[in-house]
């Protein structure tokens, strides 16, 4: 089976997103400041790559984002996180 460009972009984005999750887990768990800074640099580079690839995917219509949330939807979610019930 031959992979097409859209599949390769999607697979690469999924891999990058997985790496970002791993960095988010590792950074707060290390006490070594130097290691923490290196991990943050790697995360930053990874985020930049993800954003660049995401823009390419959008330009080629490989990814179509969901419709933007309405102001009412934003306010509803905001109220969920600011209510005293949490």
PDB file of N, CA and C in Angstrom:
ATOM      1  N   UNK A   1       0.847  -1.180   0.000  1.00  0.00           N
ATOM      2  CA  UNK A   1       0.000   0.000   0.000  1.00  0.00           C
ATOM      3  C   UNK A   1       0.893   1.245   0.000  1.00  0.00           C
ATOM      4  N   UNK A   2       0.592   2.169  -0.878  1.00  0.00           N
ATOM      5  CA  UNK A   2       1.363   3.398  -0.985  1.00  0.00           C
ATOM      6  C   UNK A   2       0.677   4.511  -0.197  1.00  0.00           C
ATOM      7  N   UNK A   3       1.460   5.206   0.625  1.00  0.00           N
ATOM      8  CA  UNK A   3       0.898   6.301   1.409  1.00  0.00           C
ATOM      9  C   UNK A   3       0.865   7.562   0.557  1.00  0.00           C
ATOM     10  N   UNK A   4      -0.228   8.290   0.661  1.00  0.00           N
ATOM     11  CA  UNK A   4      -0.286   9.561  -0.041  1.00  0.00           C
ATOM     12  C   UNK A   4       0.166  10.685   0.883  1.00  0.00           C
ATOM     13  N   UNK A   5       0.331  11.862   0.317  1.00  0.00           N
ATOM     14  CA  UNK A   5       0.846  12.996   1.087  1.00  0.00           C
ATOM     15  C   UNK A   5      -0.055  13.346   2.265  1.00  0.00           C
ATOM     16  N   UNK A   6      -1.356  13.304   2.064  1.00  0.00           N
ATOM     17  CA  UNK A   6      -2.293  13.650   3.138  1.00  0.00           C
ATOM     18  C   UNK A   6      -2.123  12.706   4.325  1.00  0.00           C
ATOM     19  N   UNK A   7      -1.971  11.429   4.064  1.00  0.00           N
ATOM     20  CA  UNK A   7      -1.784  10.443   5.129  1.00  0.00           C
ATOM     21  C   UNK A   7      -0.466  10.666   5.851  1.00  0.00           C
ATOM     22  N   UNK A   8       0.576  10.981   5.098  1.00  0.00           N
ATOM     23  CA  UNK A   8       1.877  11.223   5.716  1.00  0.00           C
ATOM     24  C   UNK A   8       1.845  12.466   6.610  1.00  0.00           C
ATOM     25  N   UNK A   9       1.174  13.513   6.157  1.00  0.00           N
ATOM     26  CA  UNK A   9       1.059  14.729   6.965  1.00  0.00           C
ATOM     27  C   UNK A   9       0.276  14.428   8.242  1.00  0.00           C
ATOM     28  N   UNK A  10      -0.834  13.712   8.113  1.00  0.00           N
ATOM     29  CA  UNK A  10      -1.651  13.376   9.282  1.00  0.00           C
ATOM     30  C   UNK A  10      -0.865  12.514  10.271  1.00  0.00           C
ATOM     31  N   UNK A  11      -0.123  11.534   9.767  1.00  0.00           N
ATOM     32  CA  UNK A  11       0.682  10.671  10.640  1.00  0.00           C
ATOM     33  C   UNK A  11       1.776  11.470  11.337  1.00  0.00           C
ATOM     34  N   UNK A  12       2.404  12.371  10.605  1.00  0.00           N
ATOM     35  CA  UNK A  12       3.467  13.187  11.195  1.00  0.00           C
ATOM     36  C   UNK A  12       2.901  14.105  12.272  1.00  0.00           C
ATOM     37  N   UNK A  13       1.759  14.724  12.002  1.00  0.00           N
ATOM     38  CA  UNK A  13       1.122  15.580  13.009  1.00  0.00           C
ATOM     39  C   UNK A  13       0.755  14.778  14.255  1.00  0.00           C
ATOM     40  N   UNK A  14       0.244  13.584  14.071  1.00  0.00           N
ATOM     41  CA  UNK A  14      -0.106  12.741  15.211  1.00  0.00           C
ATOM     42  C   UNK A  14       1.148  12.404  16.029  1.00  0.00           C
ATOM     43  N   UNK A  15       2.245  12.125  15.349  1.00  0.00           N
ATOM     44  CA  UNK A  15       3.495  11.831  16.046  1.00  0.00           C
ATOM     45  C   UNK A  15       4.015  13.033  16.825  1.00  0.00           C
ATOM     46  N   UNK A  16       3.973  14.204  16.202  1.00  0.00           N
ATOM     47  CA  UNK A  16       4.419  15.432  16.873  1.00  0.00           C
ATOM     48  C   UNK A  16       3.538  15.711  18.085  1.00  0.00           C
ATOM     49  N   UNK A  17       2.238  15.560  17.927  1.00  0.00           N
ATOM     50  CA  UNK A  17       1.332  15.790  19.053  1.00  0.00           C
ATOM     51  C   UNK A  17       1.625  14.837  20.203  1.00  0.00           C
ATOM     52  N   UNK A  18       1.975  13.607  19.882  1.00  0.00           N
ATOM     53  CA  UNK A  18       2.350  12.649  20.919  1.00  0.00           C
ATOM     54  C   UNK A  18       3.613  13.073  21.647  1.00  0.00           C
ATOM     55  N   UNK A  19       4.572  13.596  20.898  1.00  0.00           N
ATOM     56  CA  UNK A  19       5.801  14.082  21.521  1.00  0.00           C
ATOM     57  C   UNK A  19       5.507  15.260  22.439  1.00  0.00           C
ATOM     58  N   UNK A  20       4.616  16.143  22.020  1.00  0.00           N
ATOM     59  CA  UNK A  20       4.259  17.285  22.863  1.00  0.00           C
ATOM     60  C   UNK A  20       3.637  16.818  24.181  1.00  0.00           C
ATOM     61  N   UNK A  21       2.836  15.770  24.117  1.00  0.00           N
ATOM     62  CA  UNK A  21       2.250  15.209  25.340  1.00  0.00           C
ATOM     63  C   UNK A  21       3.359  14.680  26.245  1.00  0.00           C
ATOM     64  N   UNK A  22       4.326  14.000  25.657  1.00  0.00           N
ATOM     65  CA  UNK A  22       5.424  13.453  26.461  1.00  0.00           C
ATOM     66  C   UNK A  22       6.241  14.567  27.117  1.00  0.00           C
ATOM     67  N   UNK A  23       6.520  15.630  26.375  1.00  0.00           N
ATOM     68  CA  UNK A  23       7.249  16.755  26.972  1.00  0.00           C
ATOM     69  C   UNK A  23       6.440  17.362  28.114  1.00  0.00           C
ATOM     70  N   UNK A  24       5.139  17.491  27.926  1.00  0.00           N
ATOM     71  CA  UNK A  24       4.283  18.051  28.986  1.00  0.00           C
ATOM     72  C   UNK A  24       4.326  17.180  30.237  1.00  0.00           C
ATOM     73  N   UNK A  25       4.516  15.884  30.074  1.00  0.00           N
ATOM     74  CA  UNK A  25       4.620  14.978  31.220  1.00  0.00           C
ATOM     75  C   UNK A  25       6.000  15.036  31.866  1.00  0.00           C
ATOM     76  N   UNK A  26       7.042  15.139  31.049  1.00  0.00           N
ATOM     77  CA  UNK A  26       8.412  15.069  31.570  1.00  0.00           C
ATOM     78  C   UNK A  26       8.862  16.355  32.255  1.00  0.00           C
ATOM     79  N   UNK A  27       8.540  17.496  31.681  1.00  0.00           N
ATOM     80  CA  UNK A  27       9.068  18.766  32.181  1.00  0.00           C
ATOM     81  C   UNK A  27       8.762  18.990  33.654  1.00  0.00           C
ATOM     82  N   UNK A  28       7.528  18.839  34.098  1.00  0.00           N
ATOM     83  CA  UNK A  28       7.284  19.104  35.522  1.00  0.00           C
ATOM     84  C   UNK A  28       7.831  18.022  36.455  1.00  0.00           C
ATOM     85  N   UNK A  29       8.231  16.890  35.900  1.00  0.00           N
ATOM     86  CA  UNK A  29       8.699  15.789  36.746  1.00  0.00           C
ATOM     87  C   UNK A  29      10.198  15.809  37.013  1.00  0.00           C
ATOM     88  N   UNK A  30      10.936  16.667  36.328  1.00  0.00           N
ATOM     89  CA  UNK A  30      12.380  16.688  36.560  1.00  0.00           C
ATOM     90  C   UNK A  30      12.760  17.813  37.517  1.00  0.00           C
ATOM     91  N   UNK A  31      13.705  17.512  38.378  1.00  0.00           N
ATOM     92  CA  UNK A  31      14.199  18.513  39.314  1.00  0.00           C
ATOM     93  C   UNK A  31      15.450  19.204  38.784  1.00  0.00           C
ATOM     94  N   UNK A  32      16.086  18.614  37.791  1.00  0.00           N
ATOM     95  CA  UNK A  32      17.315  19.154  37.215  1.00  0.00           C
ATOM     96  C   UNK A  32      16.970  20.333  36.305  1.00  0.00           C
ATOM     97  N   UNK A  33      17.382  21.541  36.701  1.00  0.00           N
ATOM     98  CA  UNK A  33      17.027  22.743  35.944  1.00  0.00           C
ATOM     99  C   UNK A  33      17.585  22.722  34.524  1.00  0.00           C
ATOM    100  N   UNK A  34      18.797  22.225  34.371  1.00  0.00           N
ATOM    101  CA  UNK A  34      19.402  22.172  33.040  1.00  0.00           C
ATOM    102  C   UNK A  34      18.606  21.239  32.130  1.00  0.00           C
ATOM    103  N   UNK A  35      18.269  20.066  32.637  1.00  0.00           N
ATOM    104  CA  UNK A  35      17.461  19.124  31.862  1.00  0.00           C
ATOM    105  C   UNK A  35      16.094  19.728  31.556  1.00  0.00           C
ATOM    106  N   UNK A  36      15.502  20.387  32.534  1.00  0.00           N
ATOM    107  CA  UNK A  36      14.198  21.014  32.331  1.00  0.00           C
ATOM    108  C   UNK A  36      14.267  22.049  31.208  1.00  0.00           C
ATOM    109  N   UNK A  37      15.328  22.855  31.187  1.00  0.00           N
ATOM    110  CA  UNK A  37      15.487  23.864  30.137  1.00  0.00           C
ATOM    111  C   UNK A  37      15.683  23.232  28.762  1.00  0.00           C
ATOM    112  N   UNK A  38      16.450  22.147  28.705  1.00  0.00           N
ATOM    113  CA  UNK A  38      16.648  21.446  27.433  1.00  0.00           C
ATOM    114  C   UNK A  38      15.325  20.872  26.939  1.00  0.00           C
ATOM    115  N   UNK A  39      14.561  20.265  27.836  1.00  0.00           N
ATOM    116  CA  UNK A  39      13.259  19.717  27.453  1.00  0.00           C
ATOM    117  C   UNK A  39      12.325  20.815  26.959  1.00  0.00           C
ATOM    118  N   UNK A  40      12.372  21.978  27.599  1.00  0.00           N
ATOM    119  CA  UNK A  40      11.540  23.107  27.161  1.00  0.00           C
ATOM    120  C   UNK A  40      11.962  23.584  25.770  1.00  0.00           C
ATOM    121  N   UNK A  41      13.263  23.575  25.484  1.00  0.00           N
ATOM    122  CA  UNK A  41      13.741  23.953  24.157  1.00  0.00           C
ATOM    123  C   UNK A  41      13.254  22.957  23.105  1.00  0.00           C
ATOM    124  N   UNK A  42      13.352  21.670  23.448  1.00  0.00           N
ATOM    125  CA  UNK A  42      12.851  20.639  22.530  1.00  0.00           C
ATOM    126  C   UNK A  42      11.354  20.805  22.298  1.00  0.00           C
ATOM    127  N   UNK A  43      10.609  21.064  23.383  1.00  0.00           N
ATOM    128  CA  UNK A  43       9.162  21.265  23.261  1.00  0.00           C
ATOM    129  C   UNK A  43       8.863  22.448  22.355  1.00  0.00           C
ATOM    130  N   UNK A  44       9.592  23.524  22.528  1.00  0.00           N
ATOM    131  CA  UNK A  44       9.381  24.715  21.714  1.00  0.00           C
ATOM    132  C   UNK A  44       9.627  24.424  20.235  1.00  0.00           C
ATOM    133  N   UNK A  45      10.716  23.718  19.937  1.00  0.00           N
ATOM    134  CA  UNK A  45      11.013  23.348  18.551  1.00  0.00           C
ATOM    135  C   UNK A  45       9.935  22.428  17.993  1.00  0.00           C
ATOM    136  N   UNK A  46       9.458  21.528  18.821  1.00  0.00           N
ATOM    137  CA  UNK A  46       8.400  20.598  18.427  1.00  0.00           C
ATOM    138  C   UNK A  46       7.110  21.364  18.136  1.00  0.00           C
ATOM    139  N   UNK A  47       6.783  22.337  18.994  1.00  0.00           N
ATOM    140  CA  UNK A  47       5.586  23.156  18.780  1.00  0.00           C
ATOM    141  C   UNK A  47       5.693  23.947  17.479  1.00  0.00           C
ATOM    142  N   UNK A  48       6.888  24.455  17.190  1.00  0.00           N
ATOM    143  CA  UNK A  48       7.090  25.207  15.953  1.00  0.00           C
ATOM    144  C   UNK A  48       6.891  24.301  14.737  1.00  0.00           C
ATOM    145  N   UNK A  49       7.451  23.096  14.793  1.00  0.00           N
ATOM    146  CA  UNK A  49       7.266  22.141  13.695  1.00  0.00           C
ATOM    147  C   UNK A  49       5.800  21.786  13.520  1.00  0.00           C
ATOM    148  N   UNK A  50       5.103  21.580  14.640  1.00  0.00           N
ATOM    149  CA  UNK A  50       3.683  21.246  14.584  1.00  0.00           C
ATOM    150  C   UNK A  50       2.898  22.370  13.922  1.00  0.00           C
ATOM    151  N   UNK A  51       3.187  23.606  14.292  1.00  0.00           N
ATOM    152  CA  UNK A  51       2.473  24.754  13.724  1.00  0.00           C
ATOM    153  C   UNK A  51       2.738  24.881  12.227  1.00  0.00           C
ATOM    154  N   UNK A  52       3.986  24.702  11.808  1.00  0.00           N
ATOM    155  CA  UNK A  52       4.328  24.789  10.385  1.00  0.00           C
ATOM    156  C   UNK A  52       3.617  23.707   9.586  1.00  0.00           C
ATOM    157  N   UNK A  53       3.643  22.494  10.098  1.00  0.00           N
ATOM    158  CA  UNK A  53       2.987  21.388   9.399  1.00  0.00           C
ATOM    159  C   UNK A  53       1.474  21.571   9.394  1.00  0.00           C
ATOM    160  N   UNK A  54       0.926  22.078  10.489  1.00  0.00           N
ATOM    161  CA  UNK A  54      -0.500  22.355  10.572  1.00  0.00           C
ATOM    162  C   UNK A  54      -0.906  23.383   9.510  1.00  0.00           C
ATOM    163  N   UNK A  55      -0.102  24.424   9.330  1.00  0.00           N
ATOM    164  CA  UNK A  55      -0.406  25.445   8.323  1.00  0.00           C
ATOM    165  C   UNK A  55      -0.376  24.851   6.909  1.00  0.00           C
ATOM    166  N   UNK A  56       0.591  23.975   6.651  1.00  0.00           N
ATOM    167  CA  UNK A  56       0.653  23.299   5.348  1.00  0.00           C
ATOM    168  C   UNK A  56      -0.601  22.458   5.141  1.00  0.00           C
ATOM    169  N   UNK A  57      -1.002  21.724   6.171  1.00  0.00           N
ATOM    170  CA  UNK A  57      -2.199  20.881   6.079  1.00  0.00           C
ATOM    171  C   UNK A  57      -3.435  21.727   5.791  1.00  0.00           C
ATOM    172  N   UNK A  58      -3.552  22.880   6.426  1.00  0.00           N
ATOM    173  CA  UNK A  58      -4.704  23.768   6.173  1.00  0.00           C
ATOM    174  C   UNK A  58      -4.672  24.316   4.761  1.00  0.00           C
ATOM    175  N   UNK A  59      -3.483  24.743   4.292  1.00  0.00           N
ATOM    176  CA  UNK A  59      -3.358  25.294   2.942  1.00  0.00           C
ATOM    177  C   UNK A  59      -3.749  24.286   1.874  1.00  0.00           C
ATOM    178  N   UNK A  60      -3.442  23.026   2.121  1.00  0.00           N
ATOM    179  CA  UNK A  60      -3.741  21.972   1.146  1.00  0.00           C
ATOM    180  C   UNK A  60      -5.106  21.337   1.391  1.00  0.00           C
ATOM    181  N   UNK A  61      -5.845  21.886   2.347  1.00  0.00           N
ATOM    182  CA  UNK A  61      -7.173  21.379   2.723  1.00  0.00           C
ATOM    183  C   UNK A  61      -7.120  19.938   3.232  1.00  0.00           C
ATOM    184  N   UNK A  62      -5.985  19.549   3.802  1.00  0.00           N
ATOM    185  CA  UNK A  62      -5.886  18.251   4.449  1.00  0.00           C
ATOM    186  C   UNK A  62      -6.551  18.299   5.816  1.00  0.00           C
ATOM    187  N   UNK A  63      -6.638  19.492   6.354  1.00  0.00           N
ATOM    188  CA  UNK A  63      -7.262  19.683   7.658  1.00  0.00           C
ATOM    189  C   UNK A  63      -8.210  20.861   7.547  1.00  0.00           C
ATOM    190  N   UNK A  64      -9.446  20.639   7.917  1.00  0.00           N
ATOM    191  CA  UNK A  64     -10.430  21.714   7.943  1.00  0.00           C
ATOM    192  C   UNK A  64     -10.867  21.866   9.393  1.00  0.00           C
ATOM    193  N   UNK A  65     -10.558  23.016  10.006  1.00  0.00           N
ATOM    194  CA  UNK A  65     -10.894  23.185  11.417  1.00  0.00           C
ATOM    195  C   UNK A  65     -12.398  23.236  11.636  1.00  0.00           C
ATOM    196  N   UNK A  66     -12.787  22.926  12.842  1.00  0.00           N
ATOM    197  CA  UNK A  66     -14.203  23.018  13.210  1.00  0.00           C
ATOM    198  C   UNK A  66     -14.630  24.481  13.162  1.00  0.00           C
ATOM    199  N   UNK A  67     -15.921  24.685  13.098  1.00  0.00           N
ATOM    200  CA  UNK A  67     -16.445  26.047  13.100  1.00  0.00           C
ATOM    201  C   UNK A  67     -16.052  26.737  14.402  1.00  0.00           C
ATOM    202  N   UNK A  68     -15.850  28.040  14.325  1.00  0.00           N
ATOM    203  CA  UNK A  68     -15.486  28.803  15.521  1.00  0.00           C
ATOM    204  C   UNK A  68     -16.641  28.804  16.509  1.00  0.00           C
ATOM    205  N   UNK A  69     -16.283  28.771  17.770  1.00  0.00           N
ATOM    206  CA  UNK A  69     -17.288  28.790  18.826  1.00  0.00           C
ATOM    207  C   UNK A  69     -17.973  30.149  18.857  1.00  0.00           C
ATOM    208  N   UNK A  70     -19.252  30.110  19.162  1.00  0.00           N
ATOM    209  CA  UNK A  70     -19.989  31.370  19.305  1.00  0.00           C
ATOM    210  C   UNK A  70     -19.614  32.005  20.643  1.00  0.00           C
ATOM    211  N   UNK A  71     -19.927  33.273  20.786  1.00  0.00           N
ATOM    212  CA  UNK A  71     -19.654  33.961  22.049  1.00  0.00           C
ATOM    213  C   UNK A  71     -20.409  33.294  23.188  1.00  0.00           C
ATOM    214  N   UNK A  72     -21.619  32.819  22.923  1.00  0.00           N
ATOM    215  CA  UNK A  72     -22.404  32.139  23.959  1.00  0.00           C
ATOM    216  C   UNK A  72     -21.716  30.847  24.404  1.00  0.00           C
ATOM    217  N   UNK A  73     -21.170  30.096  23.450  1.00  0.00           N
ATOM    218  CA  UNK A  73     -20.472  28.856  23.786  1.00  0.00           C
ATOM    219  C   UNK A  73     -19.216  29.147  24.612  1.00  0.00           C
ATOM    220  N   UNK A  74     -18.503  30.185  24.238  1.00  0.00           N
ATOM    221  CA  UNK A  74     -17.300  30.572  24.985  1.00  0.00           C
ATOM    222  C   UNK A  74     -17.676  30.957  26.413  1.00  0.00           C
ATOM    223  N   UNK A  75     -18.722  31.751  26.551  1.00  0.00           N
ATOM    224  CA  UNK A  75     -19.157  32.172  27.886  1.00  0.00           C
ATOM    225  C   UNK A  75     -19.609  30.985  28.727  1.00  0.00           C
ATOM    226  N   UNK A  76     -20.290  30.034  28.102  1.00  0.00           N
ATOM    227  CA  UNK A  76     -20.738  28.846  28.822  1.00  0.00           C
ATOM    228  C   UNK A  76     -19.552  28.066  29.382  1.00  0.00           C
ATOM    229  N   UNK A  77     -18.548  27.831  28.531  1.00  0.00           N
ATOM    230  CA  UNK A  77     -17.366  27.090  28.982  1.00  0.00           C
ATOM    231  C   UNK A  77     -16.637  27.880  30.059  1.00  0.00           C
ATOM    232  N   UNK A  78     -16.520  29.188  29.857  1.00  0.00           N
ATOM    233  CA  UNK A  78     -15.869  30.024  30.868  1.00  0.00           C
ATOM    234  C   UNK A  78     -16.592  29.911  32.205  1.00  0.00           C
ATOM    235  N   UNK A  79     -17.930  29.903  32.155  1.00  0.00           N
ATOM    236  CA  UNK A  79     -18.699  29.817  33.401  1.00  0.00           C
ATOM    237  C   UNK A  79     -18.495  28.472  34.095  1.00  0.00           C
ATOM    238  N   UNK A  80     -18.266  27.428  33.320  1.00  0.00           N
ATOM    239  CA  UNK A  80     -18.011  26.114  33.914  1.00  0.00           C
ATOM    240  C   UNK A  80     -16.736  26.114  34.751  1.00  0.00           C
ATOM    241  N   UNK A  81     -15.753  26.897  34.323  1.00  0.00           N
ATOM    242  CA  UNK A  81     -14.475  26.918  35.013  1.00  0.00           C
ATOM    243  C   UNK A  81     -14.382  28.020  36.071  1.00  0.00           C
ATOM    244  N   UNK A  82     -15.343  28.887  36.104  1.00  0.00           N
ATOM    245  CA  UNK A  82     -15.297  29.956  37.100  1.00  0.00           C
ATOM    246  C   UNK A  82     -16.391  29.811  38.146  1.00  0.00           C
ATOM    247  N   UNK A  83     -17.223  28.808  38.005  1.00  0.00           N
ATOM    248  CA  UNK A  83     -18.301  28.620  38.986  1.00  0.00           C
ATOM    249  C   UNK A  83     -17.716  28.073  40.288  1.00  0.00           C
ATOM    250  N   UNK A  84     -18.425  28.285  41.351  1.00  0.00           N
ATOM    251  CA  UNK A  84     -17.960  27.826  42.664  1.00  0.00           C
ATOM    252  C   UNK A  84     -18.219  26.336  42.880  1.00  0.00           C
ATOM    253  N   UNK A  85     -18.837  25.677  41.912  1.00  0.00           N
ATOM    254  CA  UNK A  85     -19.148  24.240  42.037  1.00  0.00           C
ATOM    255  C   UNK A  85     -17.939  23.350  41.811  1.00  0.00           C
ATOM    256  N   UNK A  86     -16.849  23.894  41.291  1.00  0.00           N
ATOM    257  CA  UNK A  86     -15.664  23.063  40.992  1.00  0.00           C
ATOM    258  C   UNK A  86     -14.929  22.666  42.211  1.00  0.00           C
TER     259      UNK A  86
END
